[in-house]
Structures are given as C-alpha cells and as structure tokens.
Amino acid sequence: MSALPAISPPPFDPPYPTKGARFAPGDTVRVKKGAAPGHMRTPWYLRGRTGRIERVCGDFANPEELAYRRDGLPARPLYRVRFTMAEVWGNGAERARDTIDAEIFEHWLEPADAP
C-alpha cells in the first residue's frame, strides 16, 4: 500500500445530522471483505482496501434495506473515504498517488488495525 495522504477535517459540520459516528476525518479504515446476500452499496473493488475518512456525511437510512421496501432504520452513519490508486489497483496503478473517494456506510468499515 502506498502512503495515504493526510486529510484535514472539512471546515464545516456535516450537512446532515449524525448521532455518534464511530470514525472521524483523518481516521484510517479498512472496508470489510464480507459478502452479503442481495443488494449491496459497497463496491467490490474496495473491499479489503484501506483508506482515510475524508468526512462524515451524516446519518441516512440503509439503502441495502430500502432496496427491499423496508424502512432502512435505524439510520446509519455515511462516510466519504479516500483511497489511493496504488491501494485500489496495486502495482498496476498508472498514477499511484491519485485518489478516489467513495461514500461508504459505517457497517462496511472497520479500523485499519482490526484483526
């Protein structure tokens, strides 16, 4: 993995309220590798990859539940996570230091140092 770029918290509060987000801007996280049946909102190519929280977007209904006409509650924290191209694509990355941001719900994230 290439070094993750430093991230400063955005100079504003999340645009939507959040109740107890587990992660904060600058935290290093890993996208869980697990699979779940049905509709999933986390890209396969990011599973198992490490990135940094760029911002907390707020709490939202879980789209994996909404897809089945359920209420999606309780609302879950949504984060914007930044990954380097080297982290996502490995040695094949054309521009290893470029980044990609993805919005990922908290239940798909774990601390980067989790076993």
C-alpha atoms as a PDB file:
ATOM      1  CA  MET A   1       0.000   0.000   0.000  1.00  0.00           C
ATOM      2  CA  SER A   2       1.258   3.491  -0.733  1.00  0.00           C
ATOM      3  CA  ALA A   3       1.171   6.145   1.951  1.00  0.00           C
ATOM      4  CA  LEU A   4      -2.283   7.583   2.423  1.00  0.00           C
ATOM      5  CA  PRO A   5      -2.432  11.359   2.023  1.00  0.00           C
ATOM      6  CA  ALA A   6      -3.068  13.394   5.162  1.00  0.00           C
ATOM      7  CA  ILE A   7      -6.599  14.716   5.468  1.00  0.00           C
ATOM      8  CA  SER A   8      -7.741  17.798   7.315  1.00  0.00           C
ATOM      9  CA  PRO A   9     -11.322  17.850   8.555  1.00  0.00           C
ATOM     10  CA  PRO A  10     -13.607  19.916   6.327  1.00  0.00           C
ATOM     11  CA  PRO A  11     -14.113  23.441   7.698  1.00  0.00           C
ATOM     12  CA  PHE A  12     -17.838  22.800   8.233  1.00  0.00           C
ATOM     13  CA  ASP A  13     -20.119  20.447  10.117  1.00  0.00           C
ATOM     14  CA  PRO A  14     -21.719  17.510   8.300  1.00  0.00           C
ATOM     15  CA  PRO A  15     -24.593  18.756   6.145  1.00  0.00           C
ATOM     16  CA  TYR A  16     -26.882  16.223   7.808  1.00  0.00           C
ATOM     17  CA  PRO A  17     -27.011  15.353  11.499  1.00  0.00           C
ATOM     18  CA  THR A  18     -25.230  12.311  12.863  1.00  0.00           C
ATOM     19  CA  LYS A  19     -25.651  10.518  16.168  1.00  0.00           C
ATOM     20  CA  GLY A  20     -22.411   9.010  17.355  1.00  0.00           C
ATOM     21  CA  ALA A  21     -20.366   8.342  14.241  1.00  0.00           C
ATOM     22  CA  ARG A  22     -17.623   5.832  15.111  1.00  0.00           C
ATOM     23  CA  PHE A  23     -14.984   7.392  12.850  1.00  0.00           C
ATOM     24  CA  ALA A  24     -13.731  10.948  12.318  1.00  0.00           C
ATOM     25  CA  PRO A  25     -11.987  12.724   9.437  1.00  0.00           C
ATOM     26  CA  GLY A  26      -8.391  11.533   9.179  1.00  0.00           C
ATOM     27  CA  ASP A  27      -9.063   8.081  10.689  1.00  0.00           C
ATOM     28  CA  THR A  28      -7.606   5.155   8.746  1.00  0.00           C
ATOM     29  CA  VAL A  29     -10.194   2.468   7.986  1.00  0.00           C
ATOM     30  CA  ARG A  30     -10.496  -0.750   6.027  1.00  0.00           C
ATOM     31  CA  VAL A  31     -13.525  -1.770   4.001  1.00  0.00           C
ATOM     32  CA  LYS A  32     -14.775  -5.141   5.208  1.00  0.00           C
ATOM     33  CA  LYS A  33     -14.267  -8.039   2.802  1.00  0.00           C
ATOM     34  CA  GLY A  34     -17.501  -9.796   3.638  1.00  0.00           C
ATOM     35  CA  ALA A  35     -20.296 -10.501   1.237  1.00  0.00           C
ATOM     36  CA  ALA A  36     -23.979 -10.138   1.947  1.00  0.00           C
ATOM     37  CA  PRO A  37     -26.938 -11.553   0.065  1.00  0.00           C
ATOM     38  CA  GLY A  38     -28.940  -9.201  -2.081  1.00  0.00           C
ATOM     39  CA  HIS A  39     -28.415  -5.537  -2.816  1.00  0.00           C
ATOM     40  CA  MET A  40     -25.099  -4.058  -1.620  1.00  0.00           C
ATOM     41  CA  ARG A  41     -23.928  -0.461  -1.861  1.00  0.00           C
ATOM     42  CA  THR A  42     -20.197  -1.067  -1.343  1.00  0.00           C
ATOM     43  CA  PRO A  43     -18.057  -1.566  -4.453  1.00  0.00           C
ATOM     44  CA  TRP A  44     -16.345  -4.956  -4.695  1.00  0.00           C
ATOM     45  CA  TYR A  45     -13.091  -3.356  -5.831  1.00  0.00           C
ATOM     46  CA  LEU A  46     -12.819  -1.503  -2.499  1.00  0.00           C
ATOM     47  CA  ARG A  47     -13.431  -4.488  -0.224  1.00  0.00           C
ATOM     48  CA  GLY A  48     -10.376  -5.209   1.904  1.00  0.00           C
ATOM     49  CA  ARG A  49      -8.796  -1.876   0.896  1.00  0.00           C
ATOM     50  CA  THR A  50      -7.525   0.743   3.339  1.00  0.00           C
ATOM     51  CA  GLY A  51      -8.381   4.425   3.118  1.00  0.00           C
ATOM     52  CA  ARG A  52      -8.894   7.531   5.223  1.00  0.00           C
ATOM     53  CA  ILE A  53     -12.118   9.137   6.328  1.00  0.00           C
ATOM     54  CA  GLU A  54     -12.403  12.398   4.394  1.00  0.00           C
ATOM     55  CA  ARG A  55     -15.670  13.471   6.041  1.00  0.00           C
ATOM     56  CA  VAL A  56     -18.732  12.316   7.908  1.00  0.00           C
ATOM     57  CA  CYS A  57     -21.696  12.856   5.589  1.00  0.00           C
ATOM     58  CA  GLY A  58     -24.425  12.297   8.203  1.00  0.00           C
ATOM     59  CA  ASP A  59     -26.875   9.550   9.143  1.00  0.00           C
ATOM     60  CA  PHE A  60     -29.064   8.033   6.438  1.00  0.00           C
ATOM     61  CA  ALA A  61     -31.446   5.125   6.001  1.00  0.00           C
ATOM     62  CA  ASN A  62     -29.646   1.952   4.945  1.00  0.00           C
ATOM     63  CA  PRO A  63     -30.066   1.612   1.146  1.00  0.00           C
ATOM     64  CA  GLU A  64     -29.444  -2.136   1.384  1.00  0.00           C
ATOM     65  CA  GLU A  65     -32.745  -2.322   3.273  1.00  0.00           C
ATOM     66  CA  LEU A  66     -34.540   0.361   1.243  1.00  0.00           C
ATOM     67  CA  ALA A  67     -33.947  -1.736  -1.891  1.00  0.00           C
ATOM     68  CA  TYR A  68     -36.364  -4.287  -0.424  1.00  0.00           C
ATOM     69  CA  ARG A  69     -39.008  -1.693   0.511  1.00  0.00           C
ATOM     70  CA  ARG A  70     -38.065  -1.768   4.186  1.00  0.00           C
ATOM     71  CA  ASP A  71     -37.700   1.463   6.147  1.00  0.00           C
ATOM     72  CA  GLY A  72     -33.877   1.279   6.329  1.00  0.00           C
ATOM     73  CA  LEU A  73     -33.890   2.195  10.004  1.00  0.00           C
ATOM     74  CA  PRO A  74     -32.055   2.800  12.184  1.00  0.00           C
ATOM     75  CA  ALA A  75     -30.223   5.406  10.151  1.00  0.00           C
ATOM     76  CA  ARG A  76     -26.518   4.672   9.775  1.00  0.00           C
ATOM     77  CA  PRO A  77     -23.521   6.999   9.518  1.00  0.00           C
ATOM     78  CA  LEU A  78     -22.251   7.526   5.980  1.00  0.00           C
ATOM     79  CA  TYR A  79     -18.629   8.496   5.338  1.00  0.00           C
ATOM     80  CA  ARG A  80     -16.628   9.737   2.398  1.00  0.00           C
ATOM     81  CA  VAL A  81     -13.476   7.586   2.329  1.00  0.00           C
ATOM     82  CA  ARG A  82     -10.384   8.434   0.259  1.00  0.00           C
ATOM     83  CA  PHE A  83      -8.214   5.712  -1.289  1.00  0.00           C
ATOM     84  CA  THR A  84      -5.009   5.993  -3.319  1.00  0.00           C
ATOM     85  CA  MET A  85      -4.933   4.352  -6.714  1.00  0.00           C
ATOM     86  CA  ALA A  86      -1.990   2.244  -5.503  1.00  0.00           C
ATOM     87  CA  GLU A  87      -4.148   0.898  -2.668  1.00  0.00           C
ATOM     88  CA  VAL A  88      -7.022   0.063  -5.004  1.00  0.00           C
ATOM     89  CA  TRP A  89      -5.132  -1.233  -8.056  1.00  0.00           C
ATOM     90  CA  GLY A  90      -1.706  -2.209  -6.649  1.00  0.00           C
ATOM     91  CA  ASN A  91       1.377  -2.087  -8.857  1.00  0.00           C
ATOM     92  CA  GLY A  92      -0.832  -1.735 -11.933  1.00  0.00           C
ATOM     93  CA  ALA A  93      -1.932   1.774 -10.950  1.00  0.00           C
ATOM     94  CA  GLU A  94      -0.877   4.218 -13.639  1.00  0.00           C
ATOM     95  CA  ARG A  95      -0.837   7.177 -11.241  1.00  0.00           C
ATOM     96  CA  ALA A  96      -0.297   5.612  -7.821  1.00  0.00           C
ATOM     97  CA  ARG A  97      -0.720   8.842  -5.840  1.00  0.00           C
ATOM     98  CA  ASP A  98      -4.021   9.870  -7.419  1.00  0.00           C
ATOM     99  CA  THR A  99      -7.037   9.267  -5.213  1.00  0.00           C
ATOM    100  CA  ILE A 100     -10.618   8.118  -5.448  1.00  0.00           C
ATOM    101  CA  ASP A 101     -13.349   8.953  -2.927  1.00  0.00           C
ATOM    102  CA  ALA A 102     -16.277   6.658  -2.172  1.00  0.00           C
ATOM    103  CA  GLU A 103     -19.203   7.109   0.182  1.00  0.00           C
ATOM    104  CA  ILE A 104     -19.480   4.045   2.397  1.00  0.00           C
ATOM    105  CA  PHE A 105     -21.797   3.250   5.293  1.00  0.00           C
ATOM    106  CA  GLU A 106     -20.309   2.562   8.709  1.00  0.00           C
ATOM    107  CA  HIS A 107     -21.362  -1.092   8.825  1.00  0.00           C
ATOM    108  CA  TRP A 108     -18.936  -1.782   5.944  1.00  0.00           C
ATOM    109  CA  LEU A 109     -15.953  -0.143   7.704  1.00  0.00           C
ATOM    110  CA  GLU A 110     -13.567  -1.253  10.436  1.00  0.00           C
ATOM    111  CA  PRO A 111     -10.438   0.310  11.944  1.00  0.00           C
ATOM    112  CA  ALA A 112      -7.445  -0.356   9.699  1.00  0.00           C
ATOM    113  CA  ASP A 113      -5.642  -2.107  12.560  1.00  0.00           C
ATOM    114  CA  ALA A 114      -8.535  -4.500  13.297  1.00  0.00           C
ATOM    115  CA  PRO A 115      -7.521  -8.172  13.192  1.00  0.00           C
END
